[in-house]
Amino acid sequence: MRLFAGNSESSSKTLTVHRLVQKVTRESLTDKEHRTWSERAVRAVSNATPDLEFEEWALCDLLLSHWRLCVEYIRNYEFQSHEAAYLLYQAGRYLRARALYDEAEEV
């Protein structure tokens, strides 16, 4: 595990966990624990999601893979929260702005 401090352009911090560690951890969770952590992930990604403006597209590019995973969580667990709705709305807007119309419509 490595902790990276943000560069001079960003004050954010990220945490990197090896994919094998992620897989083993996910597979060891009970269904209830997986739902709980999925809901927390949706909330965290939603909170990191900016109001979509052109100037923030670089951040949105970084969030895209996280949005896609959260969309799966929202569908699978049928999350109905303000954070889930906001994430879906902003991800859909971004995908449409990037001319990824089929995926935007699904979201």
PDB file of N, CA and C in Angstrom:
ATOM      1  N   MET A   1       0.843  -1.157   0.000  1.00  0.00           N
ATOM      2  CA  MET A   1       0.000   0.000   0.000  1.00  0.00           C
ATOM      3  C   MET A   1       0.900   1.235   0.000  1.00  0.00           C
ATOM      4  N   ARG A   2       0.528   2.208  -0.842  1.00  0.00           N
ATOM      5  CA  ARG A   2       1.296   3.442  -0.903  1.00  0.00           C
ATOM      6  C   ARG A   2       0.339   4.609  -0.761  1.00  0.00           C
ATOM      7  N   LEU A   3       0.767   5.614  -0.050  1.00  0.00           N
ATOM      8  CA  LEU A   3      -0.022   6.827   0.084  1.00  0.00           C
ATOM      9  C   LEU A   3       0.697   7.928  -0.661  1.00  0.00           C
ATOM     10  N   PHE A   4       0.013   8.545  -1.603  1.00  0.00           N
ATOM     11  CA  PHE A   4       0.601   9.609  -2.395  1.00  0.00           C
ATOM     12  C   PHE A   4      -0.038  10.931  -2.017  1.00  0.00           C
ATOM     13  N   ALA A   5       0.780  11.925  -1.728  1.00  0.00           N
ATOM     14  CA  ALA A   5       0.254  13.271  -1.496  1.00  0.00           C
ATOM     15  C   ALA A   5       0.004  13.915  -2.846  1.00  0.00           C
ATOM     16  N   GLY A   6      -0.973  14.776  -2.891  1.00  0.00           N
ATOM     17  CA  GLY A   6      -1.288  15.457  -4.137  1.00  0.00           C
ATOM     18  C   GLY A   6      -0.134  16.320  -4.617  1.00  0.00           C
ATOM     19  N   ASN A   7      -0.094  16.590  -5.916  1.00  0.00           N
ATOM     20  CA  ASN A   7       0.957  17.430  -6.470  1.00  0.00           C
ATOM     21  C   ASN A   7       0.636  18.893  -6.193  1.00  0.00           C
ATOM     22  N   SER A   8       1.445  19.789  -6.743  1.00  0.00           N
ATOM     23  CA  SER A   8       1.266  21.213  -6.461  1.00  0.00           C
ATOM     24  C   SER A   8      -0.049  21.749  -7.007  1.00  0.00           C
ATOM     25  N   GLU A   9      -0.654  21.064  -7.959  1.00  0.00           N
ATOM     26  CA  GLU A   9      -1.915  21.514  -8.535  1.00  0.00           C
ATOM     27  C   GLU A   9      -3.122  21.000  -7.759  1.00  0.00           C
ATOM     28  N   SER A  10      -2.896  20.059  -6.869  1.00  0.00           N
ATOM     29  CA  SER A  10      -4.022  19.450  -6.175  1.00  0.00           C
ATOM     30  C   SER A  10      -3.650  19.186  -4.727  1.00  0.00           C
ATOM     31  N   SER A  11      -4.584  19.401  -3.840  1.00  0.00           N
ATOM     32  CA  SER A  11      -4.335  19.114  -2.433  1.00  0.00           C
ATOM     33  C   SER A  11      -4.910  17.763  -2.033  1.00  0.00           C
ATOM     34  N   SER A  12      -5.416  17.003  -3.021  1.00  0.00           N
ATOM     35  CA  SER A  12      -6.025  15.712  -2.704  1.00  0.00           C
ATOM     36  C   SER A  12      -4.959  14.661  -2.433  1.00  0.00           C
ATOM     37  N   LYS A  13      -5.369  13.625  -1.731  1.00  0.00           N
ATOM     38  CA  LYS A  13      -4.490  12.496  -1.444  1.00  0.00           C
ATOM     39  C   LYS A  13      -5.164  11.242  -1.967  1.00  0.00           C
ATOM     40  N   THR A  14      -4.359  10.320  -2.473  1.00  0.00           N
ATOM     41  CA  THR A  14      -4.917   9.069  -2.963  1.00  0.00           C
ATOM     42  C   THR A  14      -4.237   7.902  -2.285  1.00  0.00           C
ATOM     43  N   LEU A  15      -4.933   6.804  -2.262  1.00  0.00           N
ATOM     44  CA  LEU A  15      -4.427   5.576  -1.681  1.00  0.00           C
ATOM     45  C   LEU A  15      -4.446   4.510  -2.754  1.00  0.00           C
ATOM     46  N   THR A  16      -3.333   3.822  -2.944  1.00  0.00           N
ATOM     47  CA  THR A  16      -3.254   2.772  -3.945  1.00  0.00           C
ATOM     48  C   THR A  16      -3.104   1.430  -3.242  1.00  0.00           C
ATOM     49  N   VAL A  17      -3.988   0.498  -3.585  1.00  0.00           N
ATOM     50  CA  VAL A  17      -3.948  -0.847  -3.018  1.00  0.00           C
ATOM     51  C   VAL A  17      -3.807  -1.821  -4.185  1.00  0.00           C
ATOM     52  N   HIS A  18      -2.869  -2.734  -4.080  1.00  0.00           N
ATOM     53  CA  HIS A  18      -2.624  -3.703  -5.152  1.00  0.00           C
ATOM     54  C   HIS A  18      -3.924  -4.434  -5.496  1.00  0.00           C
ATOM     55  N   ARG A  19      -4.133  -4.703  -6.784  1.00  0.00           N
ATOM     56  CA  ARG A  19      -5.383  -5.340  -7.241  1.00  0.00           C
ATOM     57  C   ARG A  19      -5.622  -6.704  -6.595  1.00  0.00           C
ATOM     58  N   LEU A  20      -4.574  -7.463  -6.370  1.00  0.00           N
ATOM     59  CA  LEU A  20      -4.734  -8.771  -5.739  1.00  0.00           C
ATOM     60  C   LEU A  20      -5.251  -8.613  -4.311  1.00  0.00           C
ATOM     61  N   VAL A  21      -4.742  -7.621  -3.597  1.00  0.00           N
ATOM     62  CA  VAL A  21      -5.212  -7.356  -2.234  1.00  0.00           C
ATOM     63  C   VAL A  21      -6.683  -6.929  -2.277  1.00  0.00           C
ATOM     64  N   GLN A  22      -7.038  -6.111  -3.256  1.00  0.00           N
ATOM     65  CA  GLN A  22      -8.434  -5.704  -3.406  1.00  0.00           C
ATOM     66  C   GLN A  22      -9.336  -6.908  -3.639  1.00  0.00           C
ATOM     67  N   LYS A  23      -8.921  -7.790  -4.537  1.00  0.00           N
ATOM     68  CA  LYS A  23      -9.730  -8.972  -4.878  1.00  0.00           C
ATOM     69  C   LYS A  23      -9.921  -9.880  -3.673  1.00  0.00           C
ATOM     70  N   VAL A  24      -8.843 -10.168  -2.969  1.00  0.00           N
ATOM     71  CA  VAL A  24      -8.922 -11.046  -1.795  1.00  0.00           C
ATOM     72  C   VAL A  24      -9.820 -10.418  -0.734  1.00  0.00           C
ATOM     73  N   THR A  25      -9.682  -9.127  -0.540  1.00  0.00           N
ATOM     74  CA  THR A  25     -10.504  -8.434   0.452  1.00  0.00           C
ATOM     75  C   THR A  25     -11.973  -8.495   0.078  1.00  0.00           C
ATOM     76  N   ARG A  26     -12.285  -8.202  -1.187  1.00  0.00           N
ATOM     77  CA  ARG A  26     -13.681  -8.247  -1.643  1.00  0.00           C
ATOM     78  C   ARG A  26     -14.280  -9.638  -1.476  1.00  0.00           C
ATOM     79  N   GLU A  27     -13.512 -10.659  -1.836  1.00  0.00           N
ATOM     80  CA  GLU A  27     -14.028 -12.028  -1.773  1.00  0.00           C
ATOM     81  C   GLU A  27     -14.212 -12.523  -0.350  1.00  0.00           C
ATOM     82  N   SER A  28     -13.564 -11.884   0.611  1.00  0.00           N
ATOM     83  CA  SER A  28     -13.704 -12.318   2.004  1.00  0.00           C
ATOM     84  C   SER A  28     -14.883 -11.637   2.710  1.00  0.00           C
ATOM     85  N   LEU A  29     -15.523 -10.680   2.042  1.00  0.00           N
ATOM     86  CA  LEU A  29     -16.651  -9.972   2.649  1.00  0.00           C
ATOM     87  C   LEU A  29     -17.937 -10.794   2.561  1.00  0.00           C
ATOM     88  N   THR A  30     -18.765 -10.673   3.582  1.00  0.00           N
ATOM     89  CA  THR A  30     -20.107 -11.247   3.512  1.00  0.00           C
ATOM     90  C   THR A  30     -20.944 -10.363   2.584  1.00  0.00           C
ATOM     91  N   ASP A  31     -22.122 -10.838   2.199  1.00  0.00           N
ATOM     92  CA  ASP A  31     -22.998 -10.037   1.349  1.00  0.00           C
ATOM     93  C   ASP A  31     -23.366  -8.712   2.017  1.00  0.00           C
ATOM     94  N   LYS A  32     -23.646  -8.775   3.312  1.00  0.00           N
ATOM     95  CA  LYS A  32     -24.013  -7.559   4.049  1.00  0.00           C
ATOM     96  C   LYS A  32     -22.843  -6.573   4.083  1.00  0.00           C
ATOM     97  N   GLU A  33     -21.636  -7.090   4.332  1.00  0.00           N
ATOM     98  CA  GLU A  33     -20.457  -6.226   4.351  1.00  0.00           C
ATOM     99  C   GLU A  33     -20.186  -5.628   2.977  1.00  0.00           C
ATOM    100  N   HIS A  34     -20.368  -6.426   1.930  1.00  0.00           N
ATOM    101  CA  HIS A  34     -20.148  -5.914   0.567  1.00  0.00           C
ATOM    102  C   HIS A  34     -21.138  -4.795   0.257  1.00  0.00           C
ATOM    103  N   ARG A  35     -22.370  -4.967   0.653  1.00  0.00           N
ATOM    104  CA  ARG A  35     -23.382  -3.916   0.445  1.00  0.00           C
ATOM    105  C   ARG A  35     -22.996  -2.649   1.203  1.00  0.00           C
ATOM    106  N   THR A  36     -22.579  -2.814   2.442  1.00  0.00           N
ATOM    107  CA  THR A  36     -22.188  -1.660   3.265  1.00  0.00           C
ATOM    108  C   THR A  36     -21.029  -0.910   2.627  1.00  0.00           C
ATOM    109  N   TRP A  37     -19.995  -1.641   2.217  1.00  0.00           N
ATOM    110  CA  TRP A  37     -18.824  -0.994   1.604  1.00  0.00           C
ATOM    111  C   TRP A  37     -19.165  -0.419   0.234  1.00  0.00           C
ATOM    112  N   SER A  38     -20.052  -1.044  -0.489  1.00  0.00           N
ATOM    113  CA  SER A  38     -20.480  -0.502  -1.780  1.00  0.00           C
ATOM    114  C   SER A  38     -21.213   0.818  -1.584  1.00  0.00           C
ATOM    115  N   GLU A  39     -22.068   0.861  -0.580  1.00  0.00           N
ATOM    116  CA  GLU A  39     -22.797   2.090  -0.285  1.00  0.00           C
ATOM    117  C   GLU A  39     -21.840   3.208   0.134  1.00  0.00           C
ATOM    118  N   ARG A  40     -20.834   2.860   0.911  1.00  0.00           N
ATOM    119  CA  ARG A  40     -19.826   3.846   1.314  1.00  0.00           C
ATOM    120  C   ARG A  40     -19.033   4.342   0.110  1.00  0.00           C
ATOM    121  N   ALA A  41     -18.729   3.437  -0.810  1.00  0.00           N
ATOM    122  CA  ALA A  41     -17.996   3.823  -2.022  1.00  0.00           C
ATOM    123  C   ALA A  41     -18.826   4.789  -2.861  1.00  0.00           C
ATOM    124  N   VAL A  42     -20.110   4.500  -3.017  1.00  0.00           N
ATOM    125  CA  VAL A  42     -20.990   5.394  -3.780  1.00  0.00           C
ATOM    126  C   VAL A  42     -21.023   6.771  -3.126  1.00  0.00           C
ATOM    127  N   ARG A  43     -21.133   6.801  -1.818  1.00  0.00           N
ATOM    128  CA  ARG A  43     -21.169   8.075  -1.095  1.00  0.00           C
ATOM    129  C   ARG A  43     -19.859   8.843  -1.276  1.00  0.00           C
ATOM    130  N   ALA A  44     -18.730   8.149  -1.157  1.00  0.00           N
ATOM    131  CA  ALA A  44     -17.425   8.808  -1.282  1.00  0.00           C
ATOM    132  C   ALA A  44     -17.189   9.338  -2.697  1.00  0.00           C
ATOM    133  N   VAL A  45     -17.517   8.534  -3.695  1.00  0.00           N
ATOM    134  CA  VAL A  45     -17.324   8.973  -5.080  1.00  0.00           C
ATOM    135  C   VAL A  45     -18.282  10.114  -5.407  1.00  0.00           C
ATOM    136  N   SER A  46     -19.494  10.039  -4.916  1.00  0.00           N
ATOM    137  CA  SER A  46     -20.450  11.126  -5.126  1.00  0.00           C
ATOM    138  C   SER A  46     -19.928  12.422  -4.518  1.00  0.00           C
ATOM    139  N   ASN A  47     -19.385  12.333  -3.322  1.00  0.00           N
ATOM    140  CA  ASN A  47     -18.845  13.522  -2.657  1.00  0.00           C
ATOM    141  C   ASN A  47     -17.632  14.089  -3.390  1.00  0.00           C
ATOM    142  N   ALA A  48     -16.902  13.253  -4.110  1.00  0.00           N
ATOM    143  CA  ALA A  48     -15.740  13.707  -4.882  1.00  0.00           C
ATOM    144  C   ALA A  48     -16.135  14.232  -6.260  1.00  0.00           C
ATOM    145  N   THR A  49     -17.383  14.009  -6.645  1.00  0.00           N
ATOM    146  CA  THR A  49     -17.858  14.398  -7.972  1.00  0.00           C
ATOM    147  C   THR A  49     -18.204  15.880  -8.000  1.00  0.00           C
ATOM    148  N   PRO A  50     -17.568  16.625  -8.913  1.00  0.00           N
ATOM    149  CA  PRO A  50     -17.855  18.062  -8.990  1.00  0.00           C
ATOM    150  C   PRO A  50     -19.114  18.324  -9.805  1.00  0.00           C
ATOM    151  N   ASP A  51     -19.666  19.529  -9.645  1.00  0.00           N
ATOM    152  CA  ASP A  51     -20.693  19.968 -10.586  1.00  0.00           C
ATOM    153  C   ASP A  51     -19.981  20.066 -11.921  1.00  0.00           C
ATOM    154  N   LEU A  52     -20.549  19.458 -12.923  1.00  0.00           N
ATOM    155  CA  LEU A  52     -19.854  19.312 -14.203  1.00  0.00           C
ATOM    156  C   LEU A  52     -19.645  20.651 -14.896  1.00  0.00           C
ATOM    157  N   GLU A  53     -18.402  21.023 -15.006  1.00  0.00           N
ATOM    158  CA  GLU A  53     -17.980  22.196 -15.754  1.00  0.00           C
ATOM    159  C   GLU A  53     -16.805  21.785 -16.621  1.00  0.00           C
ATOM    160  N   PHE A  54     -16.637  22.433 -17.747  1.00  0.00           N
ATOM    161  CA  PHE A  54     -15.566  22.071 -18.674  1.00  0.00           C
ATOM    162  C   PHE A  54     -14.202  22.065 -17.987  1.00  0.00           C
ATOM    163  N   GLU A  55     -13.971  23.008 -17.099  1.00  0.00           N
ATOM    164  CA  GLU A  55     -12.679  23.118 -16.421  1.00  0.00           C
ATOM    165  C   GLU A  55     -12.380  21.890 -15.553  1.00  0.00           C
ATOM    166  N   GLU A  56     -13.382  21.129 -15.201  1.00  0.00           N
ATOM    167  CA  GLU A  56     -13.205  19.988 -14.307  1.00  0.00           C
ATOM    168  C   GLU A  56     -13.184  18.659 -15.058  1.00  0.00           C
ATOM    169  N   TRP A  57     -13.099  18.695 -16.393  1.00  0.00           N
ATOM    170  CA  TRP A  57     -13.125  17.457 -17.162  1.00  0.00           C
ATOM    171  C   TRP A  57     -11.936  16.564 -16.856  1.00  0.00           C
ATOM    172  N   ALA A  58     -10.779  17.117 -16.523  1.00  0.00           N
ATOM    173  CA  ALA A  58      -9.627  16.274 -16.182  1.00  0.00           C
ATOM    174  C   ALA A  58      -9.938  15.437 -14.940  1.00  0.00           C
ATOM    175  N   LEU A  59     -10.570  16.038 -13.958  1.00  0.00           N
ATOM    176  CA  LEU A  59     -10.977  15.301 -12.765  1.00  0.00           C
ATOM    177  C   LEU A  59     -12.026  14.262 -13.119  1.00  0.00           C
ATOM    178  N   CYS A  60     -12.961  14.634 -13.987  1.00  0.00           N
ATOM    179  CA  CYS A  60     -14.003  13.695 -14.399  1.00  0.00           C
ATOM    180  C   CYS A  60     -13.408  12.503 -15.139  1.00  0.00           C
ATOM    181  N   ASP A  61     -12.366  12.737 -15.934  1.00  0.00           N
ATOM    182  CA  ASP A  61     -11.676  11.628 -16.601  1.00  0.00           C
ATOM    183  C   ASP A  61     -11.145  10.635 -15.569  1.00  0.00           C
ATOM    184  N   LEU A  62     -10.614  11.155 -14.475  1.00  0.00           N
ATOM    185  CA  LEU A  62     -10.101  10.286 -13.409  1.00  0.00           C
ATOM    186  C   LEU A  62     -11.220   9.561 -12.677  1.00  0.00           C
ATOM    187  N   LEU A  63     -12.362  10.195 -12.556  1.00  0.00           N
ATOM    188  CA  LEU A  63     -13.487   9.605 -11.831  1.00  0.00           C
ATOM    189  C   LEU A  63     -14.276   8.598 -12.661  1.00  0.00           C
ATOM    190  N   LEU A  64     -14.107   8.612 -13.970  1.00  0.00           N
ATOM    191  CA  LEU A  64     -14.954   7.806 -14.844  1.00  0.00           C
ATOM    192  C   LEU A  64     -14.967   6.328 -14.475  1.00  0.00           C
ATOM    193  N   SER A  65     -13.824   5.725 -14.226  1.00  0.00           N
ATOM    194  CA  SER A  65     -13.809   4.295 -13.868  1.00  0.00           C
ATOM    195  C   SER A  65     -14.518   4.059 -12.536  1.00  0.00           C
ATOM    196  N   HIS A  66     -14.417   5.005 -11.626  1.00  0.00           N
ATOM    197  CA  HIS A  66     -15.093   4.886 -10.328  1.00  0.00           C
ATOM    198  C   HIS A  66     -16.602   5.046 -10.502  1.00  0.00           C
ATOM    199  N   TRP A  67     -17.002   5.973 -11.361  1.00  0.00           N
ATOM    200  CA  TRP A  67     -18.434   6.134 -11.643  1.00  0.00           C
ATOM    201  C   TRP A  67     -19.005   4.840 -12.203  1.00  0.00           C
ATOM    202  N   ARG A  68     -18.282   4.238 -13.148  1.00  0.00           N
ATOM    203  CA  ARG A  68     -18.778   3.006 -13.775  1.00  0.00           C
ATOM    204  C   ARG A  68     -18.981   1.909 -12.740  1.00  0.00           C
ATOM    205  N   LEU A  69     -18.045   1.754 -11.832  1.00  0.00           N
ATOM    206  CA  LEU A  69     -18.178   0.742 -10.788  1.00  0.00           C
ATOM    207  C   LEU A  69     -19.342   1.080  -9.856  1.00  0.00           C
ATOM    208  N   CYS A  70     -19.468   2.348  -9.496  1.00  0.00           N
ATOM    209  CA  CYS A  70     -20.563   2.759  -8.618  1.00  0.00           C
ATOM    210  C   CYS A  70     -21.919   2.570  -9.283  1.00  0.00           C
ATOM    211  N   VAL A  71     -21.994   2.771 -10.594  1.00  0.00           N
ATOM    212  CA  VAL A  71     -23.252   2.524 -11.313  1.00  0.00           C
ATOM    213  C   VAL A  71     -23.654   1.061 -11.130  1.00  0.00           C
ATOM    214  N   GLU A  72     -22.687   0.146 -11.212  1.00  0.00           N
ATOM    215  CA  GLU A  72     -22.980  -1.275 -10.977  1.00  0.00           C
ATOM    216  C   GLU A  72     -23.497  -1.492  -9.558  1.00  0.00           C
ATOM    217  N   TYR A  73     -22.853  -0.878  -8.576  1.00  0.00           N
ATOM    218  CA  TYR A  73     -23.293  -1.019  -7.186  1.00  0.00           C
ATOM    219  C   TYR A  73     -24.719  -0.494  -7.019  1.00  0.00           C
ATOM    220  N   ILE A  74     -24.989   0.665  -7.598  1.00  0.00           N
ATOM    221  CA  ILE A  74     -26.320   1.276  -7.464  1.00  0.00           C
ATOM    222  C   ILE A  74     -27.381   0.366  -8.071  1.00  0.00           C
ATOM    223  N   ARG A  75     -27.074  -0.211  -9.220  1.00  0.00           N
ATOM    224  CA  ARG A  75     -28.033  -1.131  -9.860  1.00  0.00           C
ATOM    225  C   ARG A  75     -28.201  -2.405  -9.052  1.00  0.00           C
ATOM    226  N   ASN A  76     -27.079  -3.027  -8.695  1.00  0.00           N
ATOM    227  CA  ASN A  76     -27.134  -4.319  -8.006  1.00  0.00           C
ATOM    228  C   ASN A  76     -27.857  -4.240  -6.666  1.00  0.00           C
ATOM    229  N   TYR A  77     -27.603  -3.174  -5.917  1.00  0.00           N
ATOM    230  CA  TYR A  77     -28.184  -3.049  -4.584  1.00  0.00           C
ATOM    231  C   TYR A  77     -29.396  -2.119  -4.544  1.00  0.00           C
ATOM    232  N   GLU A  78     -29.748  -1.563  -5.710  1.00  0.00           N
ATOM    233  CA  GLU A  78     -30.898  -0.664  -5.810  1.00  0.00           C
ATOM    234  C   GLU A  78     -30.823   0.466  -4.786  1.00  0.00           C
ATOM    235  N   PHE A  79     -29.632   1.089  -4.689  1.00  0.00           N
ATOM    236  CA  PHE A  79     -29.461   2.214  -3.775  1.00  0.00           C
ATOM    237  C   PHE A  79     -30.350   3.368  -4.221  1.00  0.00           C
ATOM    238  N   GLN A  80     -31.041   3.955  -3.261  1.00  0.00           N
ATOM    239  CA  GLN A  80     -31.887   5.111  -3.524  1.00  0.00           C
ATOM    240  C   GLN A  80     -31.529   6.180  -2.513  1.00  0.00           C
ATOM    241  N   SER A  81     -30.553   6.998  -2.889  1.00  0.00           N
ATOM    242  CA  SER A  81     -30.112   8.067  -1.999  1.00  0.00           C
ATOM    243  C   SER A  81     -29.788   9.293  -2.837  1.00  0.00           C
ATOM    244  N   HIS A  82     -29.662  10.403  -2.142  1.00  0.00           N
ATOM    245  CA  HIS A  82     -29.279  11.649  -2.810  1.00  0.00           C
ATOM    246  C   HIS A  82     -27.921  11.471  -3.493  1.00  0.00           C
ATOM    247  N   GLU A  83     -26.977  10.832  -2.801  1.00  0.00           N
ATOM    248  CA  GLU A  83     -25.633  10.642  -3.359  1.00  0.00           C
ATOM    249  C   GLU A  83     -25.662   9.780  -4.620  1.00  0.00           C
ATOM    250  N   ALA A  84     -26.455   8.719  -4.605  1.00  0.00           N
ATOM    251  CA  ALA A  84     -26.557   7.844  -5.783  1.00  0.00           C
ATOM    252  C   ALA A  84     -27.158   8.604  -6.959  1.00  0.00           C
ATOM    253  N   ALA A  85     -28.218   9.355  -6.701  1.00  0.00           N
ATOM    254  CA  ALA A  85     -28.858  10.119  -7.766  1.00  0.00           C
ATOM    255  C   ALA A  85     -27.913  11.167  -8.342  1.00  0.00           C
ATOM    256  N   TYR A  86     -27.197  11.857  -7.482  1.00  0.00           N
ATOM    257  CA  TYR A  86     -26.257  12.891  -7.930  1.00  0.00           C
ATOM    258  C   TYR A  86     -25.147  12.272  -8.779  1.00  0.00           C
ATOM    259  N   LEU A  87     -24.592  11.153  -8.321  1.00  0.00           N
ATOM    260  CA  LEU A  87     -23.536  10.472  -9.064  1.00  0.00           C
ATOM    261  C   LEU A  87     -24.026  10.057 -10.447  1.00  0.00           C
ATOM    262  N   LEU A  88     -25.201   9.452 -10.521  1.00  0.00           N
ATOM    263  CA  LEU A  88     -25.752   9.018 -11.804  1.00  0.00           C
ATOM    264  C   LEU A  88     -25.991  10.209 -12.731  1.00  0.00           C
ATOM    265  N   TYR A  89     -26.534  11.275 -12.177  1.00  0.00           N
ATOM    266  CA  TYR A  89     -26.825  12.462 -12.976  1.00  0.00           C
ATOM    267  C   TYR A  89     -25.546  13.074 -13.546  1.00  0.00           C
ATOM    268  N   GLN A  90     -24.551  13.283 -12.689  1.00  0.00           N
ATOM    269  CA  GLN A  90     -23.316  13.920 -13.146  1.00  0.00           C
ATOM    270  C   GLN A  90     -22.540  13.003 -14.104  1.00  0.00           C
ATOM    271  N   ALA A  91     -22.499  11.719 -13.814  1.00  0.00           N
ATOM    272  CA  ALA A  91     -21.820  10.785 -14.721  1.00  0.00           C
ATOM    273  C   ALA A  91     -22.505  10.777 -16.079  1.00  0.00           C
ATOM    274  N   GLY A  92     -23.823  10.755 -16.082  1.00  0.00           N
ATOM    275  CA  GLY A  92     -24.567  10.791 -17.336  1.00  0.00           C
ATOM    276  C   GLY A  92     -24.317  12.059 -18.125  1.00  0.00           C
ATOM    277  N   ARG A  93     -24.295  13.186 -17.434  1.00  0.00           N
ATOM    278  CA  ARG A  93     -24.008  14.464 -18.102  1.00  0.00           C
ATOM    279  C   ARG A  93     -22.622  14.449 -18.731  1.00  0.00           C
ATOM    280  N   TYR A  94     -21.649  13.936 -17.986  1.00  0.00           N
ATOM    281  CA  TYR A  94     -20.275  13.891 -18.493  1.00  0.00           C
ATOM    282  C   TYR A  94     -20.176  12.966 -19.702  1.00  0.00           C
ATOM    283  N   LEU A  95     -20.770  11.800 -19.616  1.00  0.00           N
ATOM    284  CA  LEU A  95     -20.724  10.851 -20.736  1.00  0.00           C
ATOM    285  C   LEU A  95     -21.380  11.454 -21.977  1.00  0.00           C
ATOM    286  N   ARG A  96     -22.483  12.137 -21.786  1.00  0.00           N
ATOM    287  CA  ARG A  96     -23.155  12.791 -22.918  1.00  0.00           C
ATOM    288  C   ARG A  96     -22.271  13.888 -23.507  1.00  0.00           C
ATOM    289  N   ALA A  97     -21.629  14.673 -22.646  1.00  0.00           N
ATOM    290  CA  ALA A  97     -20.747  15.740 -23.118  1.00  0.00           C
ATOM    291  C   ALA A  97     -19.555  15.178 -23.892  1.00  0.00           C
ATOM    292  N   ARG A  98     -19.147  13.965 -23.550  1.00  0.00           N
ATOM    293  CA  ARG A  98     -18.034  13.298 -24.235  1.00  0.00           C
ATOM    294  C   ARG A  98     -18.513  12.451 -25.414  1.00  0.00           C
ATOM    295  N   ALA A  99     -19.781  12.592 -25.767  1.00  0.00           N
ATOM    296  CA  ALA A  99     -20.396  11.907 -26.907  1.00  0.00           C
ATOM    297  C   ALA A  99     -20.418  10.386 -26.742  1.00  0.00           C
ATOM    298  N   LEU A 100     -20.484   9.922 -25.517  1.00  0.00           N
ATOM    299  CA  LEU A 100     -20.644   8.497 -25.221  1.00  0.00           C
ATOM    300  C   LEU A 100     -22.132   8.270 -24.937  1.00  0.00           C
ATOM    301  N   TYR A 101     -22.935   8.470 -25.970  1.00  0.00           N
ATOM    302  CA  TYR A 101     -24.380   8.543 -25.832  1.00  0.00           C
ATOM    303  C   TYR A 101     -25.024   7.262 -25.324  1.00  0.00           C
ATOM    304  N   ASP A 102     -24.596   6.101 -25.840  1.00  0.00           N
ATOM    305  CA  ASP A 102     -25.196   4.839 -25.403  1.00  0.00           C
ATOM    306  C   ASP A 102     -24.977   4.617 -23.909  1.00  0.00           C
ATOM    307  N   GLU A 103     -23.739   4.847 -23.454  1.00  0.00           N
ATOM    308  CA  GLU A 103     -23.451   4.650 -22.036  1.00  0.00           C
ATOM    309  C   GLU A 103     -24.172   5.702 -21.191  1.00  0.00           C
ATOM    310  N   ALA A 104     -24.231   6.935 -21.681  1.00  0.00           N
ATOM    311  CA  ALA A 104     -24.936   7.995 -20.952  1.00  0.00           C
ATOM    312  C   ALA A 104     -26.404   7.628 -20.765  1.00  0.00           C
ATOM    313  N   GLU A 105     -27.009   7.083 -21.808  1.00  0.00           N
ATOM    314  CA  GLU A 105     -28.417   6.697 -21.706  1.00  0.00           C
ATOM    315  C   GLU A 105     -28.624   5.586 -20.694  1.00  0.00           C
ATOM    316  N   GLU A 106     -27.705   4.631 -20.640  1.00  0.00           N
ATOM    317  CA  GLU A 106     -27.809   3.544 -19.660  1.00  0.00           C
ATOM    318  C   GLU A 106     -27.719   4.088 -18.232  1.00  0.00           C
ATOM    319  N   VAL A 107     -26.829   5.035 -18.018  1.00  0.00           N
ATOM    320  CA  VAL A 107     -26.634   5.615 -16.693  1.00  0.00           C
ATOM    321  C   VAL A 107     -27.843   6.441 -16.328  1.00  0.00           C
TER     322      VAL A 107
END
